[in-house]
Amino acid sequence: MEIVTKKRMQIFSGRGYADVAVDVANHLGMKLGDVEIKDFSSGEVYVRFQENVRGSDVFVIQTHCHPVNQNIMEQLVMIEAAKRASAKRITAVCPFYGYARQDKKSRSREPITAKLLADMLTVAGADRVVSVDLHSGQIQGFFDQPLDHLTALPLLVGWLRNEYPEGELVVASPDAGRVGLAEKFLSHLPGASPAYLAKTRTAHNVAKTLAVTGDVEGKTCVLVDDMIDTAGTIVGAAEALMERGARRVIALATHPVMSGPACDRLQAAPIERVVVTDTLPTPVNGVSEKIEVVPIAPIIASTMKAIFEDESVSELFDDQNQ
């Protein structure tokens, strides 16, 4: 007996932030698959795929936005359901990977929760994981299965070139951890110069900028980071740059976590524009005139297409996605 095999791609979304999943599906000329997701009165989540997934290449899209734990659990249950329904390959697409900042032990008796989440996705049945701009590259090593690490760098650099084609730019790292990211931006912006800021944490989620290295006087300074959470780091850095004579400050980040006092801080901060992607829902209350959102769907869609067709993902990013 002989049969001609064919591949089938199906995309499903959790309830966390379905808008980004819809945009991804639209870029691929597809529709999201039909899945029933509801909560029992006890708070437990129930999932049932409403269409056959046997033998399919299934992509489960769920960004780990608020409520983080609920959305992570929902994705895990969806993956488990697809596994038991005999999907051929399951890819967990996490535009924002939860617990990414808990990637090491900074003090005794702390967990490495980013590794725990990697194990949970693998045990649930994910054969592959896709995420965008992880907080640290070492998270890739937490997975025994392939992880495709995407970057919003081309999108953010493209925005910058379009808005400030001939500006005298300074690319600034708000802390030591983002130096590598700043250098990647500099490699795509000939003529731009670097600046580096040193910071310390005085308490949990409280940052203080200590020093600025680099010539920023009279320049347009571009602060680059992987995420804006409470905005303490980015606002402190912007204030330090303005105190040293910067002409204007622009903030670029992939993930708009925007928790707690972030919106109020950004509104009051000496930051002219805040440019983020939509890996997470963007709160616009209070800072709508400052925030600009660059769609992330094109790079996620092209990556999913490459995975489905067994093509190279790194070639899509010129090997800049490490």
C-alpha atoms as a PDB file:
ATOM      1  CA  MET A   1       0.000   0.000   0.000  1.00  0.00           C
ATOM      2  CA  GLU A   2       1.287   3.451  -0.896  1.00  0.00           C
ATOM      3  CA  ILE A   3      -0.014   6.887  -0.071  1.00  0.00           C
ATOM      4  CA  VAL A   4       1.130  10.346  -1.014  1.00  0.00           C
ATOM      5  CA  THR A   5       1.618  12.283   2.205  1.00  0.00           C
ATOM      6  CA  LYS A   6       0.792  15.957   2.477  1.00  0.00           C
ATOM      7  CA  LYS A   7       1.373  18.477   5.210  1.00  0.00           C
ATOM      8  CA  ARG A   8      -1.319  20.556   6.819  1.00  0.00           C
ATOM      9  CA  MET A   9      -0.782  23.670   8.931  1.00  0.00           C
ATOM     10  CA  GLN A  10      -3.274  24.758  11.579  1.00  0.00           C
ATOM     11  CA  ILE A  11      -3.091  27.802  13.840  1.00  0.00           C
ATOM     12  CA  PHE A  12      -4.875  28.119  17.160  1.00  0.00           C
ATOM     13  CA  SER A  13      -4.901  30.936  19.671  1.00  0.00           C
ATOM     14  CA  GLY A  14      -5.449  31.151  23.373  1.00  0.00           C
ATOM     15  CA  ARG A  15      -7.512  33.909  24.929  1.00  0.00           C
ATOM     16  CA  GLY A  16      -4.574  35.897  26.287  1.00  0.00           C
ATOM     17  CA  TYR A  17      -4.162  38.304  23.357  1.00  0.00           C
ATOM     18  CA  ALA A  18      -5.884  36.888  20.300  1.00  0.00           C
ATOM     19  CA  ASP A  19      -5.368  40.056  18.216  1.00  0.00           C
ATOM     20  CA  VAL A  20      -1.740  39.216  17.477  1.00  0.00           C
ATOM     21  CA  ALA A  21      -2.719  35.650  16.488  1.00  0.00           C
ATOM     22  CA  VAL A  22      -5.369  36.985  14.114  1.00  0.00           C
ATOM     23  CA  ASP A  23      -2.796  39.294  12.510  1.00  0.00           C
ATOM     24  CA  VAL A  24      -0.367  36.391  12.082  1.00  0.00           C
ATOM     25  CA  ALA A  25      -3.039  34.239  10.462  1.00  0.00           C
ATOM     26  CA  ASN A  26      -4.027  37.086   8.138  1.00  0.00           C
ATOM     27  CA  HIS A  27      -0.405  37.474   6.993  1.00  0.00           C
ATOM     28  CA  LEU A  28      -0.395  33.788   6.113  1.00  0.00           C
ATOM     29  CA  GLY A  29      -3.739  34.007   4.323  1.00  0.00           C
ATOM     30  CA  MET A  30      -5.289  31.667   6.880  1.00  0.00           C
ATOM     31  CA  LYS A  31      -7.925  31.684   9.593  1.00  0.00           C
ATOM     32  CA  LEU A  32      -7.487  30.648  13.190  1.00  0.00           C
ATOM     33  CA  GLY A  33      -8.636  27.138  13.989  1.00  0.00           C
ATOM     34  CA  ASP A  34     -11.783  26.567  15.998  1.00  0.00           C
ATOM     35  CA  VAL A  35     -11.088  25.716  19.623  1.00  0.00           C
ATOM     36  CA  GLU A  36     -13.380  25.779  22.620  1.00  0.00           C
ATOM     37  CA  ILE A  37     -11.811  27.290  25.728  1.00  0.00           C
ATOM     38  CA  LYS A  38     -13.744  27.948  28.901  1.00  0.00           C
ATOM     39  CA  ASP A  39     -13.285  28.033  32.652  1.00  0.00           C
ATOM     40  CA  PHE A  40     -14.944  25.792  35.189  1.00  0.00           C
ATOM     41  CA  SER A  41     -16.475  27.501  38.216  1.00  0.00           C
ATOM     42  CA  SER A  42     -13.428  26.358  40.205  1.00  0.00           C
ATOM     43  CA  GLY A  43     -11.143  28.326  37.888  1.00  0.00           C
ATOM     44  CA  GLU A  44      -9.726  25.309  36.015  1.00  0.00           C
ATOM     45  CA  VAL A  45      -9.426  25.721  32.260  1.00  0.00           C
ATOM     46  CA  TYR A  46     -11.112  23.423  29.731  1.00  0.00           C
ATOM     47  CA  VAL A  47      -9.934  23.041  26.119  1.00  0.00           C
ATOM     48  CA  ARG A  48     -11.345  21.071  23.193  1.00  0.00           C
ATOM     49  CA  PHE A  49     -10.318  21.445  19.568  1.00  0.00           C
ATOM     50  CA  GLN A  50     -13.426  21.712  17.415  1.00  0.00           C
ATOM     51  CA  GLU A  51     -11.702  20.369  14.318  1.00  0.00           C
ATOM     52  CA  ASN A  52      -9.480  17.440  13.473  1.00  0.00           C
ATOM     53  CA  VAL A  53      -5.743  18.022  14.117  1.00  0.00           C
ATOM     54  CA  ARG A  54      -4.488  14.464  13.539  1.00  0.00           C
ATOM     55  CA  GLY A  55      -1.278  14.528  11.523  1.00  0.00           C
ATOM     56  CA  SER A  56      -1.218  18.348  11.365  1.00  0.00           C
ATOM     57  CA  ASP A  57       1.524  20.858  12.011  1.00  0.00           C
ATOM     58  CA  VAL A  58      -0.191  22.699  14.865  1.00  0.00           C
ATOM     59  CA  PHE A  59       0.879  26.171  16.036  1.00  0.00           C
ATOM     60  CA  VAL A  60      -0.483  27.284  19.405  1.00  0.00           C
ATOM     61  CA  ILE A  61      -0.114  31.059  19.818  1.00  0.00           C
ATOM     62  CA  GLN A  62      -0.334  32.577  23.280  1.00  0.00           C
ATOM     63  CA  THR A  63       1.578  35.552  24.582  1.00  0.00           C
ATOM     64  CA  HIS A  64       2.201  35.462  28.316  1.00  0.00           C
ATOM     65  CA  CYS A  65       0.460  38.702  29.217  1.00  0.00           C
ATOM     66  CA  HIS A  66      -1.608  39.514  32.299  1.00  0.00           C
ATOM     67  CA  PRO A  67      -2.885  37.333  33.920  1.00  0.00           C
ATOM     68  CA  VAL A  68       0.425  35.605  33.240  1.00  0.00           C
ATOM     69  CA  ASN A  69      -0.125  32.344  35.115  1.00  0.00           C
ATOM     70  CA  GLN A  70      -3.617  31.857  33.662  1.00  0.00           C
ATOM     71  CA  ASN A  71      -2.398  32.376  30.105  1.00  0.00           C
ATOM     72  CA  ILE A  72       0.600  30.084  30.526  1.00  0.00           C
ATOM     73  CA  MET A  73      -1.592  27.324  31.919  1.00  0.00           C
ATOM     74  CA  GLU A  74      -4.080  27.799  29.104  1.00  0.00           C
ATOM     75  CA  GLN A  75      -1.354  27.347  26.497  1.00  0.00           C
ATOM     76  CA  LEU A  76      -0.053  24.239  28.253  1.00  0.00           C
ATOM     77  CA  VAL A  77      -3.532  22.684  28.256  1.00  0.00           C
ATOM     78  CA  MET A  78      -3.974  23.497  24.562  1.00  0.00           C
ATOM     79  CA  ILE A  79      -0.651  21.840  23.749  1.00  0.00           C
ATOM     80  CA  GLU A  80      -1.616  18.784  25.806  1.00  0.00           C
ATOM     81  CA  ALA A  81      -4.959  18.564  24.012  1.00  0.00           C
ATOM     82  CA  ALA A  82      -3.271  18.753  20.595  1.00  0.00           C
ATOM     83  CA  LYS A  83      -0.781  16.087  21.621  1.00  0.00           C
ATOM     84  CA  ARG A  84      -3.523  13.681  22.699  1.00  0.00           C
ATOM     85  CA  ALA A  85      -5.414  14.457  19.490  1.00  0.00           C
ATOM     86  CA  SER A  86      -2.406  13.090  17.537  1.00  0.00           C
ATOM     87  CA  ALA A  87      -1.056  16.310  16.042  1.00  0.00           C
ATOM     88  CA  LYS A  88       2.121  15.449  14.121  1.00  0.00           C
ATOM     89  CA  ARG A  89       4.161  18.430  15.363  1.00  0.00           C
ATOM     90  CA  ILE A  90       3.231  21.094  17.906  1.00  0.00           C
ATOM     91  CA  THR A  91       4.898  24.500  18.003  1.00  0.00           C
ATOM     92  CA  ALA A  92       4.295  26.788  20.967  1.00  0.00           C
ATOM     93  CA  VAL A  93       4.430  30.397  19.774  1.00  0.00           C
ATOM     94  CA  CYS A  94       5.080  32.719  22.731  1.00  0.00           C
ATOM     95  CA  PRO A  95       5.625  36.267  21.411  1.00  0.00           C
ATOM     96  CA  PHE A  96       6.416  37.260  24.995  1.00  0.00           C
ATOM     97  CA  TYR A  97       7.962  34.486  27.106  1.00  0.00           C
ATOM     98  CA  GLY A  98       6.830  34.679  30.704  1.00  0.00           C
ATOM     99  CA  TYR A  99       9.237  34.550  33.649  1.00  0.00           C
ATOM    100  CA  ALA A 100      12.153  35.370  31.323  1.00  0.00           C
ATOM    101  CA  ARG A 101      13.789  37.594  33.936  1.00  0.00           C
ATOM    102  CA  GLN A 102      14.007  34.684  36.359  1.00  0.00           C
ATOM    103  CA  ASP A 103      16.748  33.067  34.279  1.00  0.00           C
ATOM    104  CA  LYS A 104      19.366  32.645  37.013  1.00  0.00           C
ATOM    105  CA  LYS A 105      19.843  32.669  40.765  1.00  0.00           C
ATOM    106  CA  SER A 106      20.829  36.132  41.922  1.00  0.00           C
ATOM    107  CA  ARG A 107      20.425  35.243  45.589  1.00  0.00           C
ATOM    108  CA  SER A 108      20.288  32.017  47.563  1.00  0.00           C
ATOM    109  CA  ARG A 109      17.089  29.948  47.663  1.00  0.00           C
ATOM    110  CA  GLU A 110      15.660  31.521  44.481  1.00  0.00           C
ATOM    111  CA  PRO A 111      14.101  29.518  41.633  1.00  0.00           C
ATOM    112  CA  ILE A 112      15.113  29.600  37.970  1.00  0.00           C
ATOM    113  CA  THR A 113      11.545  29.883  36.766  1.00  0.00           C
ATOM    114  CA  ALA A 114      12.399  30.471  33.109  1.00  0.00           C
ATOM    115  CA  LYS A 115      13.840  26.930  33.076  1.00  0.00           C
ATOM    116  CA  LEU A 116      10.747  25.581  34.838  1.00  0.00           C
ATOM    117  CA  LEU A 117       8.527  27.086  32.145  1.00  0.00           C
ATOM    118  CA  ALA A 118      10.711  25.565  29.422  1.00  0.00           C
ATOM    119  CA  ASP A 119      10.290  22.152  31.053  1.00  0.00           C
ATOM    120  CA  MET A 120       6.536  22.630  31.334  1.00  0.00           C
ATOM    121  CA  LEU A 121       6.161  23.462  27.640  1.00  0.00           C
ATOM    122  CA  THR A 122       8.245  20.421  26.704  1.00  0.00           C
ATOM    123  CA  VAL A 123       6.390  18.021  29.004  1.00  0.00           C
ATOM    124  CA  ALA A 124       3.022  19.331  27.776  1.00  0.00           C
ATOM    125  CA  GLY A 125       4.022  18.226  24.279  1.00  0.00           C
ATOM    126  CA  ALA A 126       5.616  21.164  22.463  1.00  0.00           C
ATOM    127  CA  ASP A 127       8.070  19.924  19.829  1.00  0.00           C
ATOM    128  CA  ARG A 128       9.302  23.447  19.148  1.00  0.00           C
ATOM    129  CA  VAL A 129       9.027  26.904  20.695  1.00  0.00           C
ATOM    130  CA  VAL A 130       9.025  30.309  19.004  1.00  0.00           C
ATOM    131  CA  SER A 131       9.575  33.521  20.957  1.00  0.00           C
ATOM    132  CA  VAL A 132      10.670  37.101  20.349  1.00  0.00           C
ATOM    133  CA  ASP A 133      13.593  38.919  21.998  1.00  0.00           C
ATOM    134  CA  LEU A 134      14.140  36.831  25.095  1.00  0.00           C
ATOM    135  CA  HIS A 135      15.419  38.755  28.098  1.00  0.00           C
ATOM    136  CA  SER A 136      18.660  36.761  27.910  1.00  0.00           C
ATOM    137  CA  GLY A 137      20.034  34.422  25.273  1.00  0.00           C
ATOM    138  CA  GLN A 138      20.831  31.716  27.818  1.00  0.00           C
ATOM    139  CA  ILE A 139      17.120  30.810  27.974  1.00  0.00           C
ATOM    140  CA  GLN A 140      17.620  29.055  24.631  1.00  0.00           C
ATOM    141  CA  GLY A 141      19.730  26.496  26.488  1.00  0.00           C
ATOM    142  CA  PHE A 142      16.876  25.672  28.846  1.00  0.00           C
ATOM    143  CA  PHE A 143      15.131  23.765  26.056  1.00  0.00           C
ATOM    144  CA  ASP A 144      15.974  20.258  24.903  1.00  0.00           C
ATOM    145  CA  GLN A 145      13.721  20.874  21.902  1.00  0.00           C
ATOM    146  CA  PRO A 146      14.445  23.482  19.190  1.00  0.00           C
ATOM    147  CA  LEU A 147      13.727  27.106  20.053  1.00  0.00           C
ATOM    148  CA  ASP A 148      13.486  29.763  17.365  1.00  0.00           C
ATOM    149  CA  HIS A 149      14.557  33.069  18.865  1.00  0.00           C
ATOM    150  CA  LEU A 150      13.168  35.917  16.767  1.00  0.00           C
ATOM    151  CA  THR A 151      14.103  39.566  17.034  1.00  0.00           C
ATOM    152  CA  ALA A 152      12.178  42.771  16.425  1.00  0.00           C
ATOM    153  CA  LEU A 153      15.460  44.520  15.565  1.00  0.00           C
ATOM    154  CA  PRO A 154      14.711  44.859  11.801  1.00  0.00           C
ATOM    155  CA  LEU A 155      11.295  46.378  12.544  1.00  0.00           C
ATOM    156  CA  LEU A 156      12.584  48.885  15.102  1.00  0.00           C
ATOM    157  CA  VAL A 157      15.624  49.837  13.001  1.00  0.00           C
ATOM    158  CA  GLY A 158      13.323  50.309  10.018  1.00  0.00           C
ATOM    159  CA  TRP A 159      11.109  52.651  12.022  1.00  0.00           C
ATOM    160  CA  LEU A 160      14.144  54.616  13.204  1.00  0.00           C
ATOM    161  CA  ARG A 161      15.573  55.009   9.707  1.00  0.00           C
ATOM    162  CA  ASN A 162      12.215  56.170   8.407  1.00  0.00           C
ATOM    163  CA  GLU A 163      11.625  58.736  11.152  1.00  0.00           C
ATOM    164  CA  TYR A 164      15.185  60.036  11.587  1.00  0.00           C
ATOM    165  CA  PRO A 165      16.954  59.403   8.262  1.00  0.00           C
ATOM    166  CA  GLU A 166      19.660  62.022   8.747  1.00  0.00           C
ATOM    167  CA  GLY A 167      19.561  62.641  12.469  1.00  0.00           C
ATOM    168  CA  GLU A 168      22.673  62.727  14.607  1.00  0.00           C
ATOM    169  CA  LEU A 169      21.757  59.654  16.610  1.00  0.00           C
ATOM    170  CA  VAL A 170      23.215  58.235  19.788  1.00  0.00           C
ATOM    171  CA  VAL A 171      22.194  54.678  20.630  1.00  0.00           C
ATOM    172  CA  ALA A 172      22.148  54.322  24.396  1.00  0.00           C
ATOM    173  CA  SER A 173      22.046  51.222  26.553  1.00  0.00           C
ATOM    174  CA  PRO A 174      20.035  51.921  29.751  1.00  0.00           C
ATOM    175  CA  ASP A 175      22.071  49.385  31.733  1.00  0.00           C
ATOM    176  CA  ALA A 176      24.919  46.909  31.367  1.00  0.00           C
ATOM    177  CA  GLY A 177      22.582  44.088  30.363  1.00  0.00           C
ATOM    178  CA  ARG A 178      21.491  45.828  27.161  1.00  0.00           C
ATOM    179  CA  VAL A 179      24.969  46.695  25.836  1.00  0.00           C
ATOM    180  CA  GLY A 180      24.849  43.827  23.360  1.00  0.00           C
ATOM    181  CA  LEU A 181      21.459  44.985  22.081  1.00  0.00           C
ATOM    182  CA  ALA A 182      22.731  48.542  21.653  1.00  0.00           C
ATOM    183  CA  GLU A 183      25.701  47.259  19.656  1.00  0.00           C
ATOM    184  CA  LYS A 184      23.347  45.366  17.331  1.00  0.00           C
ATOM    185  CA  PHE A 185      21.425  48.585  16.685  1.00  0.00           C
ATOM    186  CA  LEU A 186      24.678  50.443  16.045  1.00  0.00           C
ATOM    187  CA  SER A 187      25.737  47.866  13.453  1.00  0.00           C
ATOM    188  CA  HIS A 188      22.609  48.764  11.442  1.00  0.00           C
ATOM    189  CA  LEU A 189      22.919  52.528  11.869  1.00  0.00           C
ATOM    190  CA  PRO A 190      26.122  53.814  10.231  1.00  0.00           C
ATOM    191  CA  GLY A 191      27.129  57.136  11.695  1.00  0.00           C
ATOM    192  CA  ALA A 192      25.378  56.611  15.024  1.00  0.00           C
ATOM    193  CA  SER A 193      27.494  56.745  18.162  1.00  0.00           C
ATOM    194  CA  PRO A 194      27.148  54.784  21.414  1.00  0.00           C
ATOM    195  CA  ALA A 195      26.395  55.804  24.979  1.00  0.00           C
ATOM    196  CA  TYR A 196      26.309  53.564  28.021  1.00  0.00           C
ATOM    197  CA  LEU A 197      24.532  54.057  31.309  1.00  0.00           C
ATOM    198  CA  ALA A 198      25.224  52.383  34.622  1.00  0.00           C
ATOM    199  CA  LYS A 199      22.394  51.657  37.024  1.00  0.00           C
ATOM    200  CA  THR A 200      21.779  50.001  40.354  1.00  0.00           C
ATOM    201  CA  ARG A 201      18.663  48.572  41.952  1.00  0.00           C
ATOM    202  CA  THR A 202      17.795  50.063  45.323  1.00  0.00           C
ATOM    203  CA  ALA A 203      14.808  47.749  45.808  1.00  0.00           C
ATOM    204  CA  HIS A 204      12.627  45.300  43.865  1.00  0.00           C
ATOM    205  CA  ASN A 205      11.470  47.052  40.650  1.00  0.00           C
ATOM    206  CA  VAL A 206      13.286  50.248  41.702  1.00  0.00           C
ATOM    207  CA  ALA A 207      16.253  51.360  39.563  1.00  0.00           C
ATOM    208  CA  LYS A 208      18.623  54.326  39.806  1.00  0.00           C
ATOM    209  CA  THR A 209      20.899  55.532  37.002  1.00  0.00           C
ATOM    210  CA  LEU A 210      24.402  56.292  38.278  1.00  0.00           C
ATOM    211  CA  ALA A 211      26.483  57.465  35.312  1.00  0.00           C
ATOM    212  CA  VAL A 212      26.503  58.132  31.565  1.00  0.00           C
ATOM    213  CA  THR A 213      29.426  57.388  29.271  1.00  0.00           C
ATOM    214  CA  GLY A 214      29.459  58.931  25.792  1.00  0.00           C
ATOM    215  CA  ASP A 215      28.869  62.266  24.055  1.00  0.00           C
ATOM    216  CA  VAL A 216      25.134  62.975  24.151  1.00  0.00           C
ATOM    217  CA  GLU A 217      25.019  66.785  24.193  1.00  0.00           C
ATOM    218  CA  GLY A 218      22.762  68.163  21.487  1.00  0.00           C
ATOM    219  CA  LYS A 219      22.071  64.672  20.117  1.00  0.00           C
ATOM    220  CA  THR A 220      18.937  62.602  19.556  1.00  0.00           C
ATOM    221  CA  CYS A 221      19.374  59.719  22.002  1.00  0.00           C
ATOM    222  CA  VAL A 222      17.727  56.373  21.335  1.00  0.00           C
ATOM    223  CA  LEU A 223      17.314  54.175  24.402  1.00  0.00           C
ATOM    224  CA  VAL A 224      16.970  50.501  23.464  1.00  0.00           C
ATOM    225  CA  ASP A 225      15.689  47.716  25.696  1.00  0.00           C
ATOM    226  CA  ASP A 226      13.956  44.368  25.373  1.00  0.00           C
ATOM    227  CA  MET A 227      10.997  45.405  27.546  1.00  0.00           C
ATOM    228  CA  ILE A 228       9.418  48.245  29.457  1.00  0.00           C
ATOM    229  CA  ASP A 229       7.875  46.956  32.677  1.00  0.00           C
ATOM    230  CA  THR A 230       7.410  49.558  35.419  1.00  0.00           C
ATOM    231  CA  ALA A 231       9.463  52.002  33.262  1.00  0.00           C
ATOM    232  CA  GLY A 232      11.806  52.866  36.125  1.00  0.00           C
ATOM    233  CA  THR A 233      14.965  51.961  34.198  1.00  0.00           C
ATOM    234  CA  ILE A 234      14.016  53.681  30.947  1.00  0.00           C
ATOM    235  CA  VAL A 235      12.737  56.848  32.653  1.00  0.00           C
ATOM    236  CA  GLY A 236      15.795  57.130  34.900  1.00  0.00           C
ATOM    237  CA  ALA A 237      18.033  56.735  31.884  1.00  0.00           C
ATOM    238  CA  ALA A 238      16.116  59.378  29.932  1.00  0.00           C
ATOM    239  CA  GLU A 239      16.397  61.849  32.794  1.00  0.00           C
ATOM    240  CA  ALA A 240      20.142  61.243  33.039  1.00  0.00           C
ATOM    241  CA  LEU A 241      20.590  61.831  29.293  1.00  0.00           C
ATOM    242  CA  MET A 242      18.594  65.056  29.360  1.00  0.00           C
ATOM    243  CA  GLU A 243      20.600  66.308  32.345  1.00  0.00           C
ATOM    244  CA  ARG A 244      23.723  65.834  30.237  1.00  0.00           C
ATOM    245  CA  GLY A 245      22.392  67.952  27.389  1.00  0.00           C
ATOM    246  CA  ALA A 246      20.635  65.500  25.067  1.00  0.00           C
ATOM    247  CA  ARG A 247      18.407  67.229  22.530  1.00  0.00           C
ATOM    248  CA  ARG A 248      15.664  64.603  22.749  1.00  0.00           C
ATOM    249  CA  VAL A 249      15.197  61.039  23.964  1.00  0.00           C
ATOM    250  CA  ILE A 250      13.338  58.253  22.169  1.00  0.00           C
ATOM    251  CA  ALA A 251      12.710  54.846  23.716  1.00  0.00           C
ATOM    252  CA  LEU A 252      12.565  51.639  21.663  1.00  0.00           C
ATOM    253  CA  ALA A 253      11.565  48.308  23.184  1.00  0.00           C
ATOM    254  CA  THR A 254      10.089  45.048  21.969  1.00  0.00           C
ATOM    255  CA  HIS A 255       7.749  44.159  24.841  1.00  0.00           C
ATOM    256  CA  PRO A 256       5.354  46.738  26.392  1.00  0.00           C
ATOM    257  CA  VAL A 257       4.741  45.013  29.720  1.00  0.00           C
ATOM    258  CA  MET A 258       3.690  48.378  31.184  1.00  0.00           C
ATOM    259  CA  SER A 259       2.821  47.275  34.700  1.00  0.00           C
ATOM    260  CA  GLY A 260       2.135  49.319  37.822  1.00  0.00           C
ATOM    261  CA  PRO A 261       3.202  52.975  37.501  1.00  0.00           C
ATOM    262  CA  ALA A 262       4.636  52.607  33.971  1.00  0.00           C
ATOM    263  CA  CYS A 263       2.081  54.749  32.135  1.00  0.00           C
ATOM    264  CA  ASP A 264       2.249  57.598  34.658  1.00  0.00           C
ATOM    265  CA  ARG A 265       6.046  57.515  34.635  1.00  0.00           C
ATOM    266  CA  LEU A 266       6.244  57.603  30.844  1.00  0.00           C
ATOM    267  CA  GLN A 267       3.752  60.435  30.659  1.00  0.00           C
ATOM    268  CA  ALA A 268       5.836  62.565  33.036  1.00  0.00           C
ATOM    269  CA  ALA A 269       9.207  61.497  31.619  1.00  0.00           C
ATOM    270  CA  PRO A 270      11.346  63.578  29.221  1.00  0.00           C
ATOM    271  CA  ILE A 271      10.821  60.965  26.498  1.00  0.00           C
ATOM    272  CA  GLU A 272       9.496  62.256  23.204  1.00  0.00           C
ATOM    273  CA  ARG A 273       8.335  58.940  21.724  1.00  0.00           C
ATOM    274  CA  VAL A 274       8.007  55.370  22.970  1.00  0.00           C
ATOM    275  CA  VAL A 275       8.115  52.773  20.204  1.00  0.00           C
ATOM    276  CA  VAL A 276       7.123  49.178  20.981  1.00  0.00           C
ATOM    277  CA  THR A 277       5.800  46.128  19.172  1.00  0.00           C
ATOM    278  CA  ASP A 278       2.506  44.382  19.855  1.00  0.00           C
ATOM    279  CA  THR A 279       3.889  41.193  21.376  1.00  0.00           C
ATOM    280  CA  LEU A 280       1.709  42.289  24.311  1.00  0.00           C
ATOM    281  CA  PRO A 281      -1.458  44.384  24.457  1.00  0.00           C
ATOM    282  CA  THR A 282      -0.429  48.015  24.763  1.00  0.00           C
ATOM    283  CA  PRO A 283      -2.119  50.169  27.424  1.00  0.00           C
ATOM    284  CA  VAL A 284      -2.641  53.581  25.890  1.00  0.00           C
ATOM    285  CA  ASN A 285      -4.362  55.361  28.760  1.00  0.00           C
ATOM    286  CA  GLY A 286      -2.375  58.451  29.680  1.00  0.00           C
ATOM    287  CA  VAL A 287       0.474  57.976  27.204  1.00  0.00           C
ATOM    288  CA  SER A 288      -1.353  57.474  23.917  1.00  0.00           C
ATOM    289  CA  GLU A 289       0.299  60.525  22.362  1.00  0.00           C
ATOM    290  CA  LYS A 290       3.761  59.112  23.050  1.00  0.00           C
ATOM    291  CA  ILE A 291       3.366  55.414  22.222  1.00  0.00           C
ATOM    292  CA  GLU A 292       3.745  54.065  18.699  1.00  0.00           C
ATOM    293  CA  VAL A 293       3.166  50.382  17.989  1.00  0.00           C
ATOM    294  CA  VAL A 294       5.027  48.452  15.288  1.00  0.00           C
ATOM    295  CA  PRO A 295       3.221  45.201  14.310  1.00  0.00           C
ATOM    296  CA  ILE A 296       5.171  42.035  15.142  1.00  0.00           C
ATOM    297  CA  ALA A 297       2.954  39.734  13.058  1.00  0.00           C
ATOM    298  CA  PRO A 298       5.041  39.871   9.839  1.00  0.00           C
ATOM    299  CA  ILE A 299       8.147  38.312  11.407  1.00  0.00           C
ATOM    300  CA  ILE A 300       6.165  35.704  13.369  1.00  0.00           C
ATOM    301  CA  ALA A 301       4.198  34.744  10.265  1.00  0.00           C
ATOM    302  CA  SER A 302       7.305  34.427   8.088  1.00  0.00           C
ATOM    303  CA  THR A 303       8.968  32.305  10.781  1.00  0.00           C
ATOM    304  CA  MET A 304       5.981  29.984  11.079  1.00  0.00           C
ATOM    305  CA  LYS A 305       5.928  29.588   7.294  1.00  0.00           C
ATOM    306  CA  ALA A 306       9.652  28.715   7.297  1.00  0.00           C
ATOM    307  CA  ILE A 307       9.146  26.157  10.078  1.00  0.00           C
ATOM    308  CA  PHE A 308       6.217  24.552   8.264  1.00  0.00           C
ATOM    309  CA  GLU A 309       8.215  24.373   5.024  1.00  0.00           C
ATOM    310  CA  ASP A 310      11.370  23.164   6.839  1.00  0.00           C
ATOM    311  CA  GLU A 311      13.302  26.206   5.688  1.00  0.00           C
ATOM    312  CA  SER A 312      15.923  28.252   7.551  1.00  0.00           C
ATOM    313  CA  VAL A 313      14.673  30.734  10.128  1.00  0.00           C
ATOM    314  CA  SER A 314      18.024  32.449  10.764  1.00  0.00           C
ATOM    315  CA  GLU A 315      18.227  33.484   7.096  1.00  0.00           C
ATOM    316  CA  LEU A 316      15.134  35.617   7.636  1.00  0.00           C
ATOM    317  CA  PHE A 317      17.115  37.713  10.119  1.00  0.00           C
ATOM    318  CA  ASP A 318      20.595  37.576   8.551  1.00  0.00           C
ATOM    319  CA  ASP A 319      21.762  35.601  11.603  1.00  0.00           C
ATOM    320  CA  GLN A 320      20.905  38.532  13.899  1.00  0.00           C
ATOM    321  CA  ASN A 321      18.364  36.501  15.902  1.00  0.00           C
ATOM    322  CA  GLN A 322      20.805  34.937  18.372  1.00  0.00           C
END
